[in-house]
Amino acid sequence: MDRAIVAYHRLLDRGSLADDSTTALREGQRERRLFFGERPLSISLRPRFLTPARYAAAAAASEAMYRALGTLEKALLRDAELRRELDLEAEEERLALADPGCRDSSPSSRLDGFFADRLRYVEYNAESPAGMAYGDNLAEVFDSLPVMREFRKRWRVRAVATRKRQLATMLRCFREWGRAEKPTIAIADWTGLPTAPEFEMFRDFFESNDVHTMICDPRELEYARGALWLRGARVTIVYRRVLTSELLMKGRETLALRDAYVDGAVCVVNTFRAKLLHKKMSFALLSDPAYARLYSAEERRAIAGHIPWTRKLTPRLADEAIRKRETLVLKPNDEYGGKGVVLGWTAPQSEWERAIASALASSYVIQEAVPVPKETYPMLLDGLTSVDLSLDLDPYLFGGKVFGALTRLSSAALLNVTAGAGSVVPTYIVEPRG
């Protein structure tokens, strides 16, 4: 990809292409509401480039891991002792064991990782993979940039749309559930979130495909007469953007959705069974040789190649974790967005020891650090500035098949797209013409 990156950056030095593209990026994001709170989703003038071979390798690795995770899920469902390793709450377990009414627990999901010499995953977003509608709209903005139009004259460039896959996947689950003729979708998450524009993008896209869609706070839902209702209309599909742990924190206020799901009165995507693999402990159950018997030889090879050493933090492992601070990451078993994550090599020894001691009172995992690649991106900071940034690669899976990927850039060791040089960029498959 070095040739493509160099060619793209050289175009930014030509005439007014950089200035014109900057204006187009800013105006395009404003028109499409591509903001996280008050911050533009992208402040980079270049998207992520992958060769077809690199994209194919990422897809093959992700699909292999999806199969291994599916094997783990089956084992968790039949083995209560193994489930105890996940530290599930009683209500989480009740929901996870209920019949989801469709084939896949996570019909759409995202494996988050870093692609250096090989793709190594650091967590599995099994419950509610975000960013698809943002990514599709951002790619359309980038397609309109003057610099991209020039670049396409010598390079074939293709982004992989994900919104249509999400809708097709939800409708497949609805048909498998089979308890209503007409799909009516409720996109459920808390009001006032900075991600609200993405819910509106999904609503508009679903409506444009003749599927009636509403956005709601889960506390608005009512369960009565054997059905789930929102503002007087029956809901047959809940596109669940809110995480199980957050629903449970609201207690009886969210009981309507949970009870309707357990009773089979509504199709929920992703299902509540997704919580089993969403827990960070799932990676410990993949990487620990004590559980190797669960997996086929092919699955064990995939795990060895793509899953870093991960273990539940216990008093027995605490001393080892303290000694190996510079090579480990400490993570809550059930959080998201980097909450509670401590990167050992960025923390003073005393702070790391306090974090380990505190984590022992809760449910945490320790994970081997993986290589994090860097690339140079033209960033809109104080003017256009070239910055070396860390970047991840997070393939989306629909029914176990990869379609598209999220890429995030950050100047910080813990990727943060909401501050400094942090940014989301669309991911393109690129190859020379001719």
Protein backbone atom coordinates (compact mmCIF):
# COMPACT_ATOMS: atom_id res chain seq x y z
CA MET A 1 0.00 0.00 0.00
CA ASP A 2 2.99 2.33 0.25
CA ARG A 3 2.72 3.26 -3.45
CA ALA A 4 -0.96 4.14 -3.12
CA ILE A 5 -0.36 6.22 0.01
CA VAL A 6 2.54 8.10 -1.60
CA ALA A 7 0.48 8.74 -4.74
CA TYR A 8 -2.46 10.06 -2.71
CA HIS A 9 -0.27 12.33 -0.57
CA ARG A 10 1.43 13.75 -3.67
CA LEU A 11 -1.96 14.71 -5.05
CA LEU A 12 -2.57 16.79 -1.93
CA ASP A 13 0.46 18.90 -2.91
CA ARG A 14 -1.04 19.64 -6.33
CA GLY A 15 -2.73 23.00 -6.84
CA SER A 16 -5.84 23.56 -4.76
CA LEU A 17 -6.73 19.86 -4.29
CA ALA A 18 -5.98 19.89 -0.55
CA ASP A 19 -7.95 23.09 0.13
CA ASP A 20 -10.88 22.04 -2.06
CA SER A 21 -10.95 18.58 -0.48
CA THR A 22 -10.81 20.06 3.02
CA THR A 23 -13.85 22.19 2.25
CA ALA A 24 -15.70 19.22 0.73
CA LEU A 25 -14.92 17.01 3.74
CA ARG A 26 -16.15 19.58 6.23
CA GLU A 27 -19.29 20.46 4.28
CA GLY A 28 -20.07 16.82 3.48
CA GLN A 29 -19.88 15.81 7.14
CA ARG A 30 -22.02 18.75 8.18
CA GLU A 31 -24.69 17.95 5.59
CA ARG A 32 -24.79 14.27 6.61
CA ARG A 33 -24.58 14.92 10.38
CA LEU A 34 -21.34 12.95 10.66
CA PHE A 35 -20.49 14.09 14.15
CA PHE A 36 -19.76 12.42 17.47
CA GLY A 37 -21.32 14.99 19.76
CA GLU A 38 -19.84 18.28 18.52
CA ARG A 39 -16.77 16.71 16.90
CA PRO A 40 -16.57 15.77 13.19
CA LEU A 41 -16.25 12.04 12.73
CA SER A 42 -13.21 12.41 10.47
CA ILE A 43 -10.45 15.01 10.50
CA SER A 44 -8.25 13.04 8.10
CA LEU A 45 -8.04 13.85 4.39
CA ARG A 46 -7.04 10.27 3.54
CA PRO A 47 -9.03 7.06 4.03
CA ARG A 48 -7.57 3.69 5.04
CA PHE A 49 -6.20 1.69 2.09
CA LEU A 50 -6.01 -2.11 1.97
CA THR A 51 -4.85 -4.29 -0.91
CA PRO A 52 -7.32 -6.98 -2.04
CA ALA A 53 -4.95 -9.61 -0.59
CA ARG A 54 -4.80 -7.84 2.76
CA TYR A 55 -8.58 -7.49 2.92
CA ALA A 56 -9.00 -11.16 1.99
CA ALA A 57 -6.57 -12.17 4.74
CA ALA A 58 -8.51 -10.10 7.28
CA ALA A 59 -11.78 -11.67 6.14
CA ALA A 60 -10.42 -15.22 6.30
CA ALA A 61 -8.98 -14.69 9.79
CA SER A 62 -12.18 -13.09 11.08
CA GLU A 63 -14.43 -15.80 9.68
CA ALA A 64 -12.20 -18.48 11.21
CA MET A 65 -12.43 -16.76 14.59
CA TYR A 66 -16.20 -16.46 14.26
CA ARG A 67 -16.38 -20.23 13.86
CA ALA A 68 -14.19 -20.79 16.93
CA LEU A 69 -16.35 -18.37 18.93
CA GLY A 70 -19.43 -20.28 17.79
CA THR A 71 -17.90 -23.48 19.14
CA LEU A 72 -17.23 -21.74 22.45
CA GLU A 73 -20.81 -20.49 22.63
CA LYS A 74 -22.19 -24.02 22.20
CA ALA A 75 -19.94 -25.22 25.03
CA LEU A 76 -21.07 -22.37 27.28
CA LEU A 77 -24.73 -23.17 26.67
CA ARG A 78 -24.37 -26.81 27.67
CA ASP A 79 -21.90 -26.40 30.57
CA ALA A 80 -22.97 -24.36 33.61
CA GLU A 81 -19.53 -24.70 35.21
CA LEU A 82 -17.88 -23.21 32.13
CA ARG A 83 -20.44 -20.37 32.13
CA ARG A 84 -19.41 -19.48 35.67
CA GLU A 85 -16.04 -18.41 34.27
CA LEU A 86 -17.82 -15.48 32.58
CA ASP A 87 -19.04 -13.99 35.90
CA LEU A 88 -22.55 -13.53 34.54
CA GLU A 89 -25.20 -11.87 36.65
CA ALA A 90 -28.31 -13.98 37.27
CA GLU A 91 -30.44 -11.89 34.88
CA GLU A 92 -27.72 -11.96 32.21
CA GLU A 93 -27.77 -15.74 32.42
CA ARG A 94 -31.58 -15.91 32.28
CA LEU A 95 -31.56 -13.82 29.11
CA ALA A 96 -28.65 -15.71 27.56
CA LEU A 97 -30.33 -19.09 28.05
CA ALA A 98 -33.67 -17.97 26.58
CA ASP A 99 -34.40 -19.12 23.03
CA PRO A 100 -33.42 -16.18 20.79
CA GLY A 101 -35.79 -17.29 18.03
CA CYS A 102 -33.16 -16.99 15.30
CA ARG A 103 -30.10 -18.94 14.18
CA ASP A 104 -27.32 -16.57 15.25
CA SER A 105 -26.82 -15.05 18.68
CA SER A 106 -24.84 -12.21 17.07
CA PRO A 107 -26.25 -11.87 13.55
CA SER A 108 -24.00 -8.84 13.09
CA SER A 109 -20.79 -8.42 15.05
CA ARG A 110 -17.35 -6.83 14.94
CA LEU A 111 -13.93 -8.24 15.78
CA ASP A 112 -11.64 -5.42 16.90
CA GLY A 113 -7.94 -5.86 16.27
CA PHE A 114 -4.63 -4.60 14.91
CA PHE A 115 -3.20 -5.70 11.57
CA ALA A 116 0.60 -5.59 11.69
CA ASP A 117 2.30 -8.72 10.32
CA ARG A 118 -1.00 -10.51 11.03
CA LEU A 119 -4.37 -9.51 12.39
CA ARG A 120 -4.54 -9.97 16.16
CA TYR A 121 -7.87 -9.38 17.87
CA VAL A 122 -8.19 -7.73 21.25
CA GLU A 123 -11.96 -7.95 21.77
CA TYR A 124 -15.21 -9.13 20.25
CA ASN A 125 -18.12 -6.71 19.92
CA ALA A 126 -20.84 -9.34 19.97
CA GLU A 127 -23.70 -7.25 21.37
CA SER A 128 -23.98 -4.04 19.39
CA PRO A 129 -21.35 -3.27 16.75
CA ALA A 130 -21.56 0.45 16.04
CA GLY A 131 -20.28 2.60 13.20
CA MET A 132 -21.87 0.99 10.12
CA ALA A 133 -24.15 3.85 9.07
CA TYR A 134 -21.47 6.38 9.97
CA GLY A 135 -18.97 4.46 7.83
CA ASP A 136 -21.21 4.18 4.77
CA ASN A 137 -22.03 7.88 4.84
CA LEU A 138 -18.42 8.86 5.45
CA ALA A 139 -17.32 6.79 2.43
CA GLU A 140 -19.85 8.66 0.29
CA VAL A 141 -18.36 11.96 1.49
CA PHE A 142 -14.83 10.75 0.67
CA ASP A 143 -16.00 9.59 -2.76
CA SER A 144 -16.93 13.21 -3.50
CA LEU A 145 -13.56 14.72 -2.52
CA PRO A 146 -11.64 16.26 -5.43
CA VAL A 147 -8.48 14.43 -4.36
CA MET A 148 -10.32 11.08 -4.46
CA ARG A 149 -11.65 11.79 -7.94
CA GLU A 150 -8.09 12.42 -9.12
CA PHE A 151 -6.79 9.35 -7.30
CA ARG A 152 -9.38 7.12 -8.99
CA LYS A 153 -7.92 7.94 -12.40
CA ARG A 154 -4.96 5.65 -11.66
CA TRP A 155 -6.31 3.42 -8.87
CA ARG A 156 -9.34 1.18 -8.47
CA VAL A 157 -10.98 2.07 -5.17
CA ARG A 158 -13.86 0.24 -3.49
CA ALA A 159 -15.55 0.66 -0.12
CA VAL A 160 -17.78 -2.15 1.22
CA ALA A 161 -21.22 -0.92 2.29
CA THR A 162 -22.59 -2.34 5.53
CA ARG A 163 -26.03 -0.74 6.13
CA LYS A 164 -27.71 -2.94 3.54
CA ARG A 165 -26.08 -6.02 5.11
CA GLN A 166 -27.37 -4.99 8.52
CA LEU A 167 -30.92 -4.61 7.22
CA ALA A 168 -30.81 -7.89 5.27
CA THR A 169 -29.48 -9.67 8.35
CA MET A 170 -32.21 -8.25 10.58
CA LEU A 171 -34.92 -9.26 8.12
CA ARG A 172 -33.47 -12.78 7.92
CA CYS A 173 -33.65 -13.02 11.72
CA PHE A 174 -37.23 -11.72 11.59
CA ARG A 175 -38.21 -14.46 9.14
CA GLU A 176 -36.53 -17.11 11.29
CA TRP A 177 -38.36 -15.80 14.36
CA GLY A 178 -41.56 -16.09 12.31
CA ARG A 179 -44.18 -14.72 14.70
CA ALA A 180 -45.37 -11.74 12.66
CA GLU A 181 -45.88 -10.95 8.99
CA LYS A 182 -44.76 -7.33 8.93
CA PRO A 183 -41.45 -5.99 10.28
CA THR A 184 -41.63 -2.83 12.38
CA ILE A 185 -38.28 -1.82 13.85
CA ALA A 186 -37.54 0.04 17.07
CA ILE A 187 -33.93 1.26 17.38
CA ALA A 188 -33.42 1.17 21.14
CA ASP A 189 -30.84 3.13 23.12
CA TRP A 190 -30.79 5.94 25.66
CA THR A 191 -31.81 9.43 24.60
CA GLY A 192 -29.22 12.19 24.38
CA LEU A 193 -26.27 10.05 23.30
CA PRO A 194 -23.56 11.51 21.02
CA THR A 195 -24.20 8.58 18.64
CA ALA A 196 -27.83 9.65 18.06
CA PRO A 197 -27.12 10.79 14.46
CA GLU A 198 -26.24 7.21 13.52
CA PHE A 199 -29.60 5.98 14.80
CA GLU A 200 -31.27 8.58 12.57
CA MET A 201 -29.18 7.44 9.57
CA PHE A 202 -30.29 3.86 10.13
CA ARG A 203 -33.92 4.91 10.55
CA ASP A 204 -33.83 6.86 7.29
CA PHE A 205 -32.13 3.98 5.46
CA PHE A 206 -34.59 1.37 6.78
CA GLU A 207 -37.55 3.62 5.91
CA SER A 208 -36.16 4.11 2.38
CA ASN A 209 -36.33 0.33 2.08
CA ASP A 210 -40.01 0.27 3.12
CA VAL A 211 -39.45 -0.90 6.70
CA HIS A 212 -41.23 1.29 9.24
CA THR A 213 -38.70 2.32 11.90
CA MET A 214 -38.83 4.31 15.13
CA ILE A 215 -36.12 5.40 17.56
CA CYS A 216 -36.81 5.01 21.26
CA ASP A 217 -35.43 4.90 24.75
CA PRO A 218 -35.88 1.26 25.89
CA ARG A 219 -37.89 2.52 28.85
CA GLU A 220 -40.60 3.67 26.42
CA LEU A 221 -41.38 0.10 25.35
CA GLU A 222 -44.48 -1.61 26.76
CA TYR A 223 -45.23 -5.33 26.92
CA ALA A 224 -48.94 -6.10 26.78
CA ARG A 225 -51.33 -8.57 25.13
CA GLY A 226 -48.43 -10.82 24.13
CA ALA A 227 -46.64 -8.14 22.09
CA LEU A 228 -44.17 -5.29 22.49
CA TRP A 229 -45.53 -1.79 21.85
CA LEU A 230 -44.12 1.66 21.20
CA ARG A 231 -46.37 4.73 21.01
CA GLY A 232 -49.36 2.58 20.16
CA ALA A 233 -47.65 0.57 17.40
CA ARG A 234 -46.59 -3.05 17.66
CA VAL A 235 -42.82 -3.55 17.46
CA THR A 236 -41.68 -6.81 15.88
CA ILE A 237 -37.91 -6.13 15.65
CA VAL A 238 -35.82 -4.37 18.26
CA TYR A 239 -32.49 -3.19 16.86
CA ARG A 240 -30.76 -3.26 20.22
CA ARG A 241 -28.03 -0.66 20.45
CA VAL A 242 -28.11 -0.55 24.25
CA LEU A 243 -25.93 -3.09 26.05
CA THR A 244 -27.39 -5.69 28.40
CA SER A 245 -25.39 -4.40 31.38
CA GLU A 246 -26.84 -0.91 30.91
CA LEU A 247 -30.39 -2.25 30.61
CA LEU A 248 -30.00 -4.16 33.86
CA MET A 249 -28.77 -1.05 35.67
CA LYS A 250 -32.22 0.48 35.07
CA GLY A 251 -33.96 -2.42 36.80
CA ARG A 252 -37.70 -2.72 36.27
CA GLU A 253 -37.74 0.28 33.91
CA THR A 254 -36.45 -1.99 31.12
CA LEU A 255 -38.31 -5.15 32.11
CA ALA A 256 -40.81 -4.91 29.23
CA LEU A 257 -38.12 -5.51 26.60
CA ARG A 258 -36.47 -8.29 28.57
CA ASP A 259 -39.68 -10.16 29.34
CA ALA A 260 -40.98 -9.81 25.78
CA TYR A 261 -37.72 -11.31 24.51
CA VAL A 262 -37.78 -14.24 26.94
CA ASP A 263 -41.41 -14.95 25.99
CA GLY A 264 -40.55 -14.88 22.27
CA ALA A 265 -42.86 -11.91 21.68
CA VAL A 266 -40.30 -9.86 19.75
CA CYS A 267 -37.26 -10.44 17.54
CA VAL A 268 -34.22 -8.77 19.14
CA VAL A 269 -31.04 -8.12 17.13
CA ASN A 270 -28.50 -8.72 18.48
CA THR A 271 -29.97 -11.28 20.83
CA PHE A 272 -29.35 -11.28 24.57
CA ARG A 273 -27.42 -14.52 24.14
CA ALA A 274 -24.68 -12.39 22.55
CA LYS A 275 -23.62 -11.43 26.08
CA LEU A 276 -21.86 -14.80 26.49
CA LEU A 277 -19.18 -13.95 23.93
CA HIS A 278 -19.25 -10.19 24.49
CA LYS A 279 -17.59 -10.71 27.87
CA LYS A 280 -13.82 -10.19 27.66
CA MET A 281 -13.44 -13.54 29.42
CA SER A 282 -14.40 -15.23 26.15
CA PHE A 283 -10.85 -14.54 24.91
CA ALA A 284 -9.44 -16.29 27.99
CA LEU A 285 -11.57 -19.32 27.18
CA LEU A 286 -10.14 -19.24 23.65
CA SER A 287 -6.47 -18.74 24.50
CA ASP A 288 -6.04 -20.87 27.65
CA PRO A 289 -4.73 -24.38 26.76
CA ALA A 290 -6.93 -25.76 29.54
CA TYR A 291 -9.88 -25.32 27.16
CA ALA A 292 -8.17 -26.46 23.95
CA ARG A 293 -10.25 -29.66 23.99
CA LEU A 294 -13.31 -27.59 23.05
CA TYR A 295 -11.96 -26.70 19.61
CA SER A 296 -11.10 -28.47 16.38
CA ALA A 297 -7.50 -28.54 15.15
CA GLU A 298 -8.35 -25.86 12.58
CA GLU A 299 -9.92 -23.65 15.26
CA ARG A 300 -6.91 -24.09 17.55
CA ARG A 301 -4.61 -22.93 14.74
CA ALA A 302 -6.76 -19.84 14.17
CA ILE A 303 -6.79 -19.06 17.89
CA ALA A 304 -3.01 -19.45 18.15
CA GLY A 305 -2.50 -17.12 15.20
CA HIS A 306 -4.94 -14.37 16.08
CA ILE A 307 -5.85 -14.32 19.79
CA PRO A 308 -3.35 -12.92 22.32
CA TRP A 309 -2.71 -14.59 25.66
CA THR A 310 -5.68 -13.60 27.86
CA ARG A 311 -6.58 -14.74 31.39
CA LYS A 312 -9.05 -13.90 34.11
CA LEU A 313 -7.27 -11.84 36.77
CA THR A 314 -7.11 -13.92 39.96
CA PRO A 315 -5.04 -13.63 43.16
CA ARG A 316 -2.86 -16.46 41.81
CA LEU A 317 -1.97 -14.40 38.72
CA ALA A 318 -1.64 -11.01 40.45
CA ASP A 319 2.10 -11.23 41.15
CA GLU A 320 2.83 -12.29 37.57
CA ALA A 321 0.69 -9.43 36.26
CA ILE A 322 2.60 -6.95 38.42
CA ARG A 323 5.97 -8.25 37.19
CA LYS A 324 4.95 -8.15 33.53
CA ARG A 325 3.43 -4.67 33.58
CA GLU A 326 5.16 -3.51 30.38
CA THR A 327 3.65 -6.31 28.29
CA LEU A 328 0.09 -6.44 29.64
CA VAL A 329 -3.27 -4.70 29.36
CA LEU A 330 -5.80 -4.74 32.20
CA LYS A 331 -9.46 -4.74 31.09
CA PRO A 332 -12.86 -4.92 32.81
CA ASN A 333 -14.67 -8.09 31.83
CA ASP A 334 -17.74 -6.18 30.67
CA GLU A 335 -17.10 -2.60 29.54
CA TYR A 336 -16.70 -0.78 26.24
CA GLY A 337 -15.13 2.32 24.73
CA GLY A 338 -11.88 1.88 26.64
CA LYS A 339 -13.55 2.39 30.05
CA GLY A 340 -11.39 1.04 32.86
CA VAL A 341 -8.63 -0.17 30.53
CA VAL A 342 -5.07 0.28 31.82
CA LEU A 343 -2.12 -0.15 29.45
CA GLY A 344 0.70 -1.42 31.64
CA TRP A 345 3.54 0.21 29.70
CA THR A 346 1.92 3.65 30.05
CA ALA A 347 1.36 3.42 33.82
CA PRO A 348 3.94 3.96 36.59
CA GLN A 349 4.62 0.78 38.55
CA SER A 350 2.85 2.05 41.67
CA GLU A 351 -0.26 2.99 39.67
CA TRP A 352 -0.27 -0.41 37.95
CA GLU A 353 -0.06 -2.22 41.29
CA ARG A 354 -2.99 -0.20 42.63
CA ALA A 355 -5.00 -0.97 39.49
CA ILE A 356 -4.31 -4.70 39.86
CA ALA A 357 -5.28 -4.65 43.54
CA SER A 358 -8.50 -2.79 42.78
CA ALA A 359 -9.36 -5.09 39.85
CA LEU A 360 -9.13 -8.18 42.06
CA ALA A 361 -12.27 -7.00 43.82
CA SER A 362 -14.21 -7.10 40.54
CA SER A 363 -14.18 -9.04 37.26
CA TYR A 364 -11.17 -8.24 35.06
CA VAL A 365 -8.92 -9.88 32.51
CA ILE A 366 -5.26 -9.37 31.72
CA GLN A 367 -4.19 -9.57 28.10
CA GLU A 368 -0.88 -9.68 26.29
CA ALA A 369 -0.13 -6.47 24.38
CA VAL A 370 -0.16 -6.84 20.59
CA PRO A 371 1.83 -4.91 17.97
CA VAL A 372 0.04 -1.72 16.93
CA PRO A 373 0.76 -0.51 13.37
CA LYS A 374 1.21 3.14 12.45
CA GLU A 375 0.68 5.10 9.25
CA THR A 376 1.08 8.74 8.28
CA TYR A 377 -2.18 10.62 7.72
CA PRO A 378 -2.87 14.20 6.58
CA MET A 379 -4.83 15.59 9.52
CA LEU A 380 -6.88 18.77 9.79
CA LEU A 381 -5.52 20.12 13.05
CA ASP A 382 -3.96 23.61 12.91
CA GLY A 383 -3.99 23.51 9.14
CA LEU A 384 -3.14 20.32 7.24
CA THR A 385 -0.49 18.37 9.16
CA SER A 386 1.11 14.98 8.51
CA VAL A 387 0.88 12.85 11.67
CA ASP A 388 2.02 9.30 12.42
CA LEU A 389 -0.99 7.60 13.96
CA SER A 390 -1.86 4.23 15.43
CA LEU A 391 -4.70 2.48 13.62
CA ASP A 392 -6.86 -0.56 14.17
CA LEU A 393 -8.84 -2.78 11.80
CA ASP A 394 -12.24 -4.02 12.93
CA PRO A 395 -14.02 -6.26 10.41
CA TYR A 396 -17.81 -6.45 10.48
CA LEU A 397 -19.37 -9.91 10.25
CA PHE A 398 -22.90 -10.69 9.11
CA GLY A 399 -23.94 -14.28 9.68
CA GLY A 400 -20.25 -15.10 10.03
CA LYS A 401 -19.16 -13.49 6.74
CA VAL A 402 -17.04 -10.34 6.55
CA PHE A 403 -18.39 -7.29 4.76
CA GLY A 404 -16.44 -4.10 5.38
CA ALA A 405 -14.43 -2.88 8.35
CA LEU A 406 -14.13 0.02 10.76
CA THR A 407 -10.80 1.87 11.00
CA ARG A 408 -9.96 4.25 13.84
CA LEU A 409 -6.89 6.48 14.10
CA SER A 410 -5.35 7.85 17.26
CA SER A 411 -2.23 9.56 18.52
CA ALA A 412 -2.77 7.90 21.92
CA ALA A 413 -1.77 4.36 22.86
CA LEU A 414 -5.41 3.62 23.75
CA LEU A 415 -7.27 4.47 20.56
CA ASN A 416 -9.53 7.45 21.20
CA VAL A 417 -11.33 8.98 18.23
CA THR A 418 -12.94 11.80 20.21
CA ALA A 419 -9.86 13.85 21.12
CA GLY A 420 -6.64 15.26 19.65
CA ALA A 421 -5.71 13.63 16.35
CA GLY A 422 -8.26 10.84 16.84
CA SER A 423 -10.46 10.11 13.84
CA VAL A 424 -12.57 7.56 12.01
CA VAL A 425 -11.76 7.00 8.34
CA PRO A 426 -13.52 4.84 5.74
CA THR A 427 -11.74 1.66 4.68
CA TYR A 428 -11.13 1.13 0.95
CA ILE A 429 -9.83 -1.81 -1.06
CA VAL A 430 -7.32 -0.34 -3.50
CA GLU A 431 -5.30 -1.65 -6.47
CA PRO A 432 -3.62 -0.02 -9.48
CA ARG A 433 -5.53 0.31 -12.73
CA GLY A 434 -4.12 -1.73 -15.59
